[in-house]
């Protein structure tokens, strides 16, 4: 099970980085925040759907959505601060 979690996080990191680099405009920190929010809300919307088929409280679902938005935001900011086109 841990292997699948590791592979899932690795795939997330690779794909979010790839999409960022394909659409990189070089606008700095703000671009990372914008991209991170978009990516976070995208993944968060998938978590929101889990409430429909899993017997979990709505508060837990909303916490998962918030965690995905924060994770996406962090990834976007890190990408914006570290990536430079050569």
N, C-alpha and C. Protein backbone atom coordinates (compact mmCIF):
# COMPACT_ATOMS: atom_id res chain seq x y z
N UNK A 1 0.83 -1.19 0.00
CA UNK A 1 0.00 0.00 0.00
C UNK A 1 0.87 1.26 0.00
N UNK A 2 1.95 1.26 0.79
CA UNK A 2 2.81 2.44 0.85
C UNK A 2 3.45 2.73 -0.51
N UNK A 3 3.71 1.67 -1.26
CA UNK A 3 4.29 1.86 -2.59
C UNK A 3 3.35 2.65 -3.48
N UNK A 4 2.06 2.36 -3.41
CA UNK A 4 1.09 3.08 -4.23
C UNK A 4 0.98 4.54 -3.82
N UNK A 5 1.07 4.81 -2.53
CA UNK A 5 1.04 6.19 -2.06
C UNK A 5 2.26 6.94 -2.58
N UNK A 6 3.42 6.32 -2.50
CA UNK A 6 4.65 6.92 -3.00
C UNK A 6 4.57 7.17 -4.50
N UNK A 7 4.08 6.19 -5.24
CA UNK A 7 3.95 6.35 -6.70
C UNK A 7 2.94 7.44 -7.05
N UNK A 8 1.86 7.52 -6.29
CA UNK A 8 0.85 8.54 -6.52
C UNK A 8 1.43 9.94 -6.32
N UNK A 9 2.16 10.14 -5.23
CA UNK A 9 2.76 11.45 -4.96
C UNK A 9 3.84 11.79 -5.99
N UNK A 10 4.61 10.80 -6.40
CA UNK A 10 5.63 11.02 -7.42
C UNK A 10 4.99 11.42 -8.75
N UNK A 11 3.94 10.72 -9.13
CA UNK A 11 3.23 11.06 -10.37
C UNK A 11 2.63 12.46 -10.30
N UNK A 12 2.06 12.81 -9.15
CA UNK A 12 1.52 14.16 -8.97
C UNK A 12 2.61 15.21 -9.16
N UNK A 13 3.77 14.99 -8.54
CA UNK A 13 4.86 15.96 -8.64
C UNK A 13 5.36 16.09 -10.08
N UNK A 14 5.50 14.97 -10.76
CA UNK A 14 5.97 15.01 -12.15
C UNK A 14 4.96 15.72 -13.04
N UNK A 15 3.70 15.39 -12.92
CA UNK A 15 2.69 15.97 -13.80
C UNK A 15 2.47 17.46 -13.53
N UNK A 16 2.45 17.86 -12.26
CA UNK A 16 2.25 19.28 -11.96
C UNK A 16 3.44 20.10 -12.46
N UNK A 17 4.63 19.51 -12.37
CA UNK A 17 5.84 20.19 -12.86
C UNK A 17 5.83 20.27 -14.39
N UNK A 18 5.44 19.20 -15.03
CA UNK A 18 5.40 19.19 -16.49
C UNK A 18 4.41 20.22 -17.03
N UNK A 19 3.22 20.25 -16.46
CA UNK A 19 2.21 21.21 -16.92
C UNK A 19 2.68 22.64 -16.67
N UNK A 20 3.31 22.88 -15.53
CA UNK A 20 3.82 24.22 -15.24
C UNK A 20 4.87 24.64 -16.26
N UNK A 21 5.82 23.75 -16.55
CA UNK A 21 6.90 24.12 -17.47
C UNK A 21 6.40 24.30 -18.90
N UNK A 22 5.36 23.60 -19.28
CA UNK A 22 4.82 23.76 -20.64
C UNK A 22 4.15 25.11 -20.83
N UNK A 23 3.61 25.68 -19.77
CA UNK A 23 2.88 26.94 -19.86
C UNK A 23 3.56 28.07 -19.10
N UNK A 24 4.84 27.93 -18.84
CA UNK A 24 5.61 28.91 -18.08
C UNK A 24 5.70 30.23 -18.84
N UNK A 25 5.36 31.33 -18.17
CA UNK A 25 5.41 32.66 -18.78
C UNK A 25 6.49 33.54 -18.17
N UNK A 26 7.13 33.10 -17.11
CA UNK A 26 8.18 33.87 -16.47
C UNK A 26 7.70 35.08 -15.69
N UNK A 27 6.50 34.99 -15.12
CA UNK A 27 5.92 36.13 -14.41
C UNK A 27 6.19 36.10 -12.91
N UNK A 28 6.98 35.14 -12.46
CA UNK A 28 7.42 35.11 -11.07
C UNK A 28 6.44 34.50 -10.09
N UNK A 29 6.51 35.01 -8.88
CA UNK A 29 5.76 34.47 -7.74
C UNK A 29 4.26 34.42 -8.00
N UNK A 30 3.71 35.46 -8.57
CA UNK A 30 2.27 35.53 -8.84
C UNK A 30 1.81 34.43 -9.78
N UNK A 31 2.64 34.10 -10.73
CA UNK A 31 2.30 33.02 -11.66
C UNK A 31 2.23 31.69 -10.90
N UNK A 32 3.14 31.48 -9.97
CA UNK A 32 3.13 30.26 -9.17
C UNK A 32 1.90 30.17 -8.28
N UNK A 33 1.51 31.29 -7.69
CA UNK A 33 0.31 31.31 -6.84
C UNK A 33 -0.92 30.98 -7.68
N UNK A 34 -1.05 31.64 -8.82
CA UNK A 34 -2.20 31.40 -9.70
C UNK A 34 -2.26 29.95 -10.15
N UNK A 35 -1.14 29.44 -10.63
CA UNK A 35 -1.08 28.06 -11.09
C UNK A 35 -1.36 27.09 -9.94
N UNK A 36 -0.78 27.35 -8.79
CA UNK A 36 -0.99 26.48 -7.64
C UNK A 36 -2.44 26.43 -7.21
N UNK A 37 -3.11 27.56 -7.24
CA UNK A 37 -4.53 27.58 -6.89
C UNK A 37 -5.35 26.80 -7.90
N UNK A 38 -5.06 26.96 -9.18
CA UNK A 38 -5.77 26.19 -10.21
C UNK A 38 -5.57 24.70 -10.01
N UNK A 39 -4.32 24.30 -9.82
CA UNK A 39 -4.01 22.88 -9.64
C UNK A 39 -4.65 22.35 -8.36
N UNK A 40 -4.59 23.13 -7.29
CA UNK A 40 -5.18 22.71 -6.02
C UNK A 40 -6.68 22.54 -6.09
N UNK A 41 -7.35 23.48 -6.74
CA UNK A 41 -8.80 23.36 -6.87
C UNK A 41 -9.19 22.21 -7.79
N UNK A 42 -8.37 21.94 -8.79
CA UNK A 42 -8.64 20.80 -9.68
C UNK A 42 -8.60 19.49 -8.89
N UNK A 43 -7.52 19.28 -8.15
CA UNK A 43 -7.40 18.06 -7.37
C UNK A 43 -8.40 18.06 -6.21
N UNK A 44 -8.64 19.21 -5.64
CA UNK A 44 -9.62 19.31 -4.56
C UNK A 44 -11.03 18.95 -5.00
N UNK A 45 -11.37 19.28 -6.24
CA UNK A 45 -12.70 18.94 -6.74
C UNK A 45 -12.88 17.42 -6.83
N UNK A 46 -11.80 16.71 -7.09
CA UNK A 46 -11.87 15.25 -7.10
C UNK A 46 -12.12 14.74 -5.68
N UNK A 47 -11.46 15.35 -4.71
CA UNK A 47 -11.69 14.97 -3.31
C UNK A 47 -13.12 15.26 -2.88
N UNK A 48 -13.68 16.34 -3.38
CA UNK A 48 -15.06 16.69 -3.04
C UNK A 48 -16.02 15.60 -3.51
N UNK A 49 -15.73 15.03 -4.66
CA UNK A 49 -16.57 13.95 -5.18
C UNK A 49 -16.56 12.71 -4.30
N UNK A 50 -15.51 12.53 -3.52
CA UNK A 50 -15.43 11.34 -2.67
C UNK A 50 -16.52 11.32 -1.61
N UNK A 51 -17.05 12.47 -1.28
CA UNK A 51 -18.12 12.55 -0.28
C UNK A 51 -19.36 11.79 -0.76
N UNK A 52 -19.54 11.69 -2.06
CA UNK A 52 -20.73 11.02 -2.62
C UNK A 52 -20.71 9.51 -2.44
N UNK A 53 -19.53 8.91 -2.41
CA UNK A 53 -19.48 7.46 -2.37
C UNK A 53 -18.73 6.88 -1.17
N UNK A 54 -18.23 7.72 -0.30
CA UNK A 54 -17.55 7.23 0.90
C UNK A 54 -18.33 7.65 2.14
N UNK A 55 -18.48 6.77 3.10
CA UNK A 55 -19.22 7.11 4.32
C UNK A 55 -18.35 7.93 5.29
N UNK A 56 -18.11 9.19 4.93
CA UNK A 56 -17.26 10.06 5.75
C UNK A 56 -18.01 11.36 6.03
N UNK A 57 -17.66 12.04 7.09
CA UNK A 57 -18.32 13.32 7.39
C UNK A 57 -17.94 14.39 6.38
N UNK A 58 -18.84 15.32 6.17
CA UNK A 58 -18.59 16.42 5.24
C UNK A 58 -17.38 17.24 5.70
N UNK A 59 -17.21 17.39 7.00
CA UNK A 59 -16.07 18.17 7.51
C UNK A 59 -14.74 17.55 7.09
N UNK A 60 -14.66 16.22 7.08
CA UNK A 60 -13.45 15.55 6.64
C UNK A 60 -13.21 15.79 5.15
N UNK A 61 -14.25 15.71 4.37
CA UNK A 61 -14.14 15.97 2.93
C UNK A 61 -13.64 17.39 2.67
N UNK A 62 -14.21 18.36 3.37
CA UNK A 62 -13.79 19.74 3.18
C UNK A 62 -12.35 19.97 3.65
N UNK A 63 -11.94 19.25 4.68
CA UNK A 63 -10.54 19.33 5.12
C UNK A 63 -9.62 18.77 4.05
N UNK A 64 -10.02 17.68 3.39
CA UNK A 64 -9.23 17.12 2.29
C UNK A 64 -9.13 18.11 1.13
N UNK A 65 -10.24 18.77 0.82
CA UNK A 65 -10.22 19.77 -0.26
C UNK A 65 -9.26 20.90 0.10
N UNK A 66 -9.36 21.39 1.32
CA UNK A 66 -8.46 22.47 1.76
C UNK A 66 -7.00 22.02 1.70
N UNK A 67 -6.73 20.79 2.10
CA UNK A 67 -5.36 20.27 2.07
C UNK A 67 -4.83 20.21 0.64
N UNK A 68 -5.67 19.81 -0.30
CA UNK A 68 -5.25 19.74 -1.70
C UNK A 68 -4.98 21.14 -2.27
N UNK A 69 -5.80 22.11 -1.89
CA UNK A 69 -5.58 23.48 -2.35
C UNK A 69 -4.25 24.01 -1.79
N UNK A 70 -4.00 23.75 -0.53
CA UNK A 70 -2.74 24.20 0.09
C UNK A 70 -1.56 23.49 -0.55
N UNK A 71 -1.69 22.19 -0.80
CA UNK A 71 -0.61 21.44 -1.44
C UNK A 71 -0.35 21.97 -2.85
N UNK A 72 -1.40 22.23 -3.61
CA UNK A 72 -1.23 22.79 -4.95
C UNK A 72 -0.61 24.17 -4.92
N UNK A 73 -1.04 24.98 -3.98
CA UNK A 73 -0.49 26.32 -3.83
C UNK A 73 1.01 26.26 -3.51
N UNK A 74 1.37 25.39 -2.60
CA UNK A 74 2.79 25.22 -2.26
C UNK A 74 3.60 24.76 -3.45
N UNK A 75 3.07 23.80 -4.19
CA UNK A 75 3.79 23.30 -5.37
C UNK A 75 3.95 24.39 -6.41
N UNK A 76 2.92 25.17 -6.64
CA UNK A 76 3.01 26.25 -7.62
C UNK A 76 4.03 27.30 -7.25
N UNK A 77 4.06 27.67 -5.98
CA UNK A 77 5.02 28.67 -5.51
C UNK A 77 6.44 28.13 -5.62
N UNK A 78 6.65 26.89 -5.22
CA UNK A 78 7.99 26.29 -5.33
C UNK A 78 8.44 26.23 -6.79
N UNK A 79 7.54 25.84 -7.67
CA UNK A 79 7.89 25.78 -9.09
C UNK A 79 8.24 27.16 -9.64
N UNK A 80 7.45 28.16 -9.27
CA UNK A 80 7.71 29.52 -9.78
C UNK A 80 9.03 30.06 -9.28
N UNK A 81 9.40 29.72 -8.05
CA UNK A 81 10.64 30.24 -7.49
C UNK A 81 11.88 29.47 -7.96
N UNK A 82 11.71 28.24 -8.42
CA UNK A 82 12.88 27.45 -8.80
C UNK A 82 13.05 27.25 -10.29
N UNK A 83 11.98 27.30 -11.07
CA UNK A 83 12.10 27.01 -12.50
C UNK A 83 12.51 28.24 -13.29
N UNK A 84 13.45 28.07 -14.16
CA UNK A 84 13.91 29.13 -15.08
C UNK A 84 14.12 28.51 -16.45
N UNK A 85 13.58 29.14 -17.48
CA UNK A 85 13.83 28.66 -18.84
C UNK A 85 15.26 28.98 -19.22
N UNK A 86 15.90 28.04 -19.92
CA UNK A 86 17.27 28.32 -20.34
C UNK A 86 17.31 28.81 -21.77
